[in-house]
Amino acid sequence: NNAATLTADLEAASEASGGGEFGRGSELALGGIIASNTLLGAAEATVADSELTSTLAAIGVFATNAAKLEVENTNQVISGDIAVGVALAFNSVGYESQNVLFQTLDALLGTNIGDIDAAEARASITNSAIASAGDLSVLATNTIEASALLSNEASADATGFHGNESTAAGFILASNMIAGGSTALLSG
């Protein structure tokens, strides 16, 4: 059995204040976050080249994989003049870790540069003699849960008596990828 869990929370905030009441001041707030979360894990139960005998009960080979990814990323940028917030979030289950450049290209272009290392459950009996008084079970169960929340807030509010204006811009790039599977095999 494998029960891998990854929980990550990232919060960032930046604020600029100042300027002047009777003319345009200068306030610039920049803020950004980059989060990369990778969860790998698998479960395997195998009987190979063996002899199994049970005179009282059933025989079972069970593999259970339960992967859970919970991620929350929050970025907040506040200014009275110019506010710019950038948030990049890359979350994956069953993919090898890769650098932020390749993750960005994957998200922008819809490519699949990353190498798969699927979060799988595999149960098997191969090349084995089995004698059981009860049922024979080969069961592979895989459950993957993924929850990702990304928030990026940029706000600008000019105050003063005249000549004031403000600009706010927020940019988000996010990618969530999951590779998993389950295999139950009974082979002579």
Protein backbone atom coordinates (compact mmCIF):
# COMPACT_ATOMS: atom_id res chain seq x y z
CA ASN A 1 0.00 0.00 0.00
CA ASN A 2 1.13 3.51 -0.77
CA ALA A 3 -0.59 6.63 0.54
CA ALA A 4 1.51 9.58 -0.60
CA THR A 5 0.23 13.05 0.28
CA LEU A 6 1.68 16.43 -0.69
CA THR A 7 0.25 19.57 0.90
CA ALA A 8 1.72 22.96 0.02
CA ASP A 9 0.68 26.53 0.85
CA LEU A 10 2.49 29.55 -0.56
CA GLU A 11 1.50 33.14 0.23
CA ALA A 12 3.16 36.32 -0.98
CA ALA A 13 2.17 39.96 -0.60
CA SER A 14 3.72 43.27 -1.58
CA GLU A 15 2.48 46.81 -1.12
CA ALA A 16 3.74 50.26 -2.09
CA SER A 17 2.37 53.52 -0.77
CA GLY A 18 3.49 57.11 -0.99
CA GLY A 19 3.17 59.70 -3.73
CA GLY A 20 1.69 63.14 -3.29
CA GLU A 21 -1.72 64.65 -2.70
CA PHE A 22 -1.24 67.57 -5.13
CA GLY A 23 0.46 65.83 -8.01
CA ARG A 24 1.43 62.50 -9.33
CA GLY A 25 3.69 60.57 -7.03
CA SER A 26 5.48 57.39 -7.89
CA GLU A 27 4.54 54.08 -6.35
CA LEU A 28 5.47 50.72 -7.81
CA ALA A 29 4.58 47.37 -6.29
CA LEU A 30 5.82 44.17 -7.90
CA GLY A 31 5.13 40.71 -6.59
CA GLY A 32 5.39 37.21 -7.87
CA ILE A 33 5.38 33.57 -6.93
CA ILE A 34 6.65 30.45 -8.65
CA ALA A 35 5.50 27.13 -7.23
CA SER A 36 6.44 23.70 -8.54
CA ASN A 37 4.98 20.65 -6.78
CA THR A 38 5.68 17.08 -7.86
CA LEU A 39 4.21 13.95 -6.25
CA LEU A 40 5.55 10.51 -7.17
CA GLY A 41 4.59 7.15 -5.73
CA ALA A 42 3.38 3.70 -6.69
CA ALA A 43 2.32 0.43 -5.08
CA GLU A 44 3.25 -3.02 -6.32
CA ALA A 45 2.41 -6.49 -5.01
CA THR A 46 3.85 -9.42 -6.94
CA VAL A 47 4.00 -13.18 -6.65
CA ALA A 48 6.37 -14.67 -9.23
CA ASP A 49 7.81 -18.12 -9.85
CA SER A 50 6.26 -19.50 -6.65
CA GLU A 51 3.99 -22.18 -5.23
CA LEU A 52 1.16 -21.01 -2.98
CA THR A 53 -1.11 -23.39 -1.07
CA SER A 54 -3.90 -22.49 1.33
CA THR A 55 -6.06 -25.22 2.91
CA LEU A 56 -8.04 -22.86 5.17
CA ALA A 57 -8.58 -19.52 3.48
CA ALA A 58 -8.54 -17.49 0.29
CA ILE A 59 -5.39 -16.18 -1.37
CA GLY A 60 -5.13 -12.56 -2.40
CA VAL A 61 -2.59 -10.22 -3.92
CA PHE A 62 -3.56 -6.57 -3.40
CA ALA A 63 -1.87 -3.31 -4.42
CA THR A 64 -3.38 0.01 -3.34
CA ASN A 65 -2.05 3.42 -4.35
CA ALA A 66 -3.68 6.55 -2.97
CA ALA A 67 -2.00 9.79 -4.03
CA LYS A 68 -3.29 13.13 -2.79
CA LEU A 69 -2.07 16.58 -3.86
CA GLU A 70 -3.41 19.71 -2.13
CA VAL A 71 -1.89 23.02 -3.17
CA GLU A 72 -2.85 26.64 -2.46
CA ASN A 73 -0.85 29.57 -3.86
CA THR A 74 -1.83 33.18 -3.15
CA ASN A 75 -0.17 36.36 -4.42
CA GLN A 76 -1.39 39.88 -3.60
CA VAL A 77 0.08 43.16 -4.89
CA ILE A 78 -1.29 46.59 -3.85
CA SER A 79 -0.17 50.04 -4.96
CA GLY A 80 -1.48 53.59 -5.28
CA ASP A 81 0.17 53.93 -8.71
CA ILE A 82 1.38 50.77 -10.49
CA ALA A 83 0.82 47.21 -9.28
CA VAL A 84 2.02 44.12 -11.16
CA GLY A 85 1.51 40.58 -9.91
CA VAL A 86 2.77 37.38 -11.53
CA ALA A 87 1.91 33.84 -10.42
CA LEU A 88 3.27 30.63 -11.93
CA ALA A 89 2.12 27.28 -10.56
CA PHE A 90 3.08 23.84 -11.86
CA ASN A 91 1.57 20.78 -10.16
CA SER A 92 2.03 17.19 -11.21
CA VAL A 93 1.29 13.67 -10.02
CA GLY A 94 3.14 10.88 -11.82
CA TYR A 95 5.60 13.08 -13.72
CA GLU A 96 9.31 13.46 -13.01
CA SER A 97 10.37 16.84 -11.69
CA GLN A 98 11.59 19.28 -14.32
CA ASN A 99 12.91 22.84 -14.43
CA VAL A 100 10.68 25.91 -14.47
CA LEU A 101 11.63 26.79 -18.07
CA PHE A 102 10.36 23.46 -19.41
CA GLN A 103 7.27 23.65 -17.20
CA THR A 104 6.52 27.11 -18.60
CA LEU A 105 6.90 25.87 -22.18
CA ASP A 106 4.65 22.89 -21.40
CA ALA A 107 1.94 25.19 -20.04
CA LEU A 108 2.19 27.81 -22.81
CA LEU A 109 2.47 25.48 -25.79
CA GLY A 110 0.52 22.46 -24.56
CA THR A 111 3.52 20.19 -25.04
CA ASN A 112 4.48 17.24 -22.91
CA ILE A 113 8.19 17.65 -22.25
CA GLY A 114 8.15 15.95 -18.84
CA ASP A 115 8.95 12.27 -18.33
CA ILE A 116 6.09 10.14 -17.02
CA ASP A 117 6.66 8.10 -13.86
CA ALA A 118 3.01 7.18 -13.41
CA ALA A 119 1.48 6.88 -9.95
CA GLU A 120 0.28 3.32 -10.43
CA ALA A 121 -1.02 0.32 -8.56
CA ARG A 122 0.19 -3.06 -9.89
CA ALA A 123 -0.82 -6.47 -8.56
CA SER A 124 0.28 -9.66 -10.26
CA ILE A 125 0.73 -13.40 -10.02
CA THR A 126 2.99 -14.79 -12.73
CA ASN A 127 4.45 -18.19 -13.43
CA SER A 128 3.16 -19.61 -10.15
CA ALA A 129 1.22 -22.70 -9.00
CA ILE A 130 -1.77 -21.77 -6.79
CA ALA A 131 -3.94 -24.11 -4.67
CA SER A 132 -6.52 -22.28 -2.57
CA ALA A 133 -9.37 -23.45 -0.32
CA GLY A 134 -11.15 -20.16 -1.03
CA ASP A 135 -11.22 -17.43 -3.65
CA LEU A 136 -8.15 -16.25 -5.52
CA SER A 137 -7.99 -12.45 -5.82
CA VAL A 138 -5.62 -10.20 -7.70
CA LEU A 139 -6.67 -6.58 -7.19
CA ALA A 140 -5.02 -3.25 -8.03
CA THR A 141 -6.72 -0.08 -6.78
CA ASN A 142 -5.56 3.43 -7.61
CA THR A 143 -7.08 6.70 -6.44
CA ILE A 144 -5.54 10.07 -7.23
CA GLU A 145 -6.94 13.27 -5.75
CA ALA A 146 -5.66 16.67 -6.83
CA SER A 147 -6.80 20.07 -5.63
CA ALA A 148 -5.02 23.23 -6.75
CA LEU A 149 -6.02 26.82 -5.99
CA LEU A 150 -4.10 29.73 -7.50
CA SER A 151 -4.95 33.33 -6.69
CA ASN A 152 -3.20 36.42 -8.04
CA GLU A 153 -4.59 39.82 -7.12
CA ALA A 154 -3.16 43.13 -8.31
CA SER A 155 -4.87 46.37 -7.31
CA ALA A 156 -3.99 50.02 -7.73
CA ASP A 157 -5.96 52.93 -6.34
CA ALA A 158 -4.72 56.45 -7.00
CA THR A 159 -5.65 59.04 -4.40
CA GLY A 160 -5.02 62.74 -4.44
CA PHE A 161 -6.52 66.00 -5.61
CA HIS A 162 -5.49 66.03 -9.27
CA GLY A 163 -3.39 64.34 -11.93
CA ASN A 164 -3.55 60.89 -10.42
CA GLU A 165 -4.01 57.67 -12.28
CA SER A 166 -3.24 54.08 -11.51
CA THR A 167 -2.53 50.82 -13.31
CA ALA A 168 -2.82 47.23 -12.15
CA ALA A 169 -1.88 44.07 -14.05
CA GLY A 170 -1.99 40.46 -13.02
CA PHE A 171 -0.62 37.45 -14.89
CA ILE A 172 -1.21 33.76 -14.14
CA LEU A 173 0.24 30.65 -15.76
CA ALA A 174 -0.75 27.29 -14.31
CA SER A 175 -0.38 23.68 -15.29
CA ASN A 176 -1.75 20.56 -13.59
CA MET A 177 -0.74 17.14 -14.94
CA ILE A 178 -1.68 13.67 -13.68
CA ALA A 179 -0.46 10.28 -14.88
CA GLY A 180 -1.70 7.16 -13.15
CA GLY A 181 -3.06 3.72 -13.75
CA SER A 182 -3.71 0.30 -12.31
CA THR A 183 -2.92 -3.20 -13.54
CA ALA A 184 -4.04 -6.55 -12.16
CA LEU A 185 -2.42 -9.52 -13.87
CA LEU A 186 -2.79 -13.29 -13.48
CA SER A 187 -0.50 -15.11 -15.87
CA GLY A 188 0.68 -18.74 -16.05
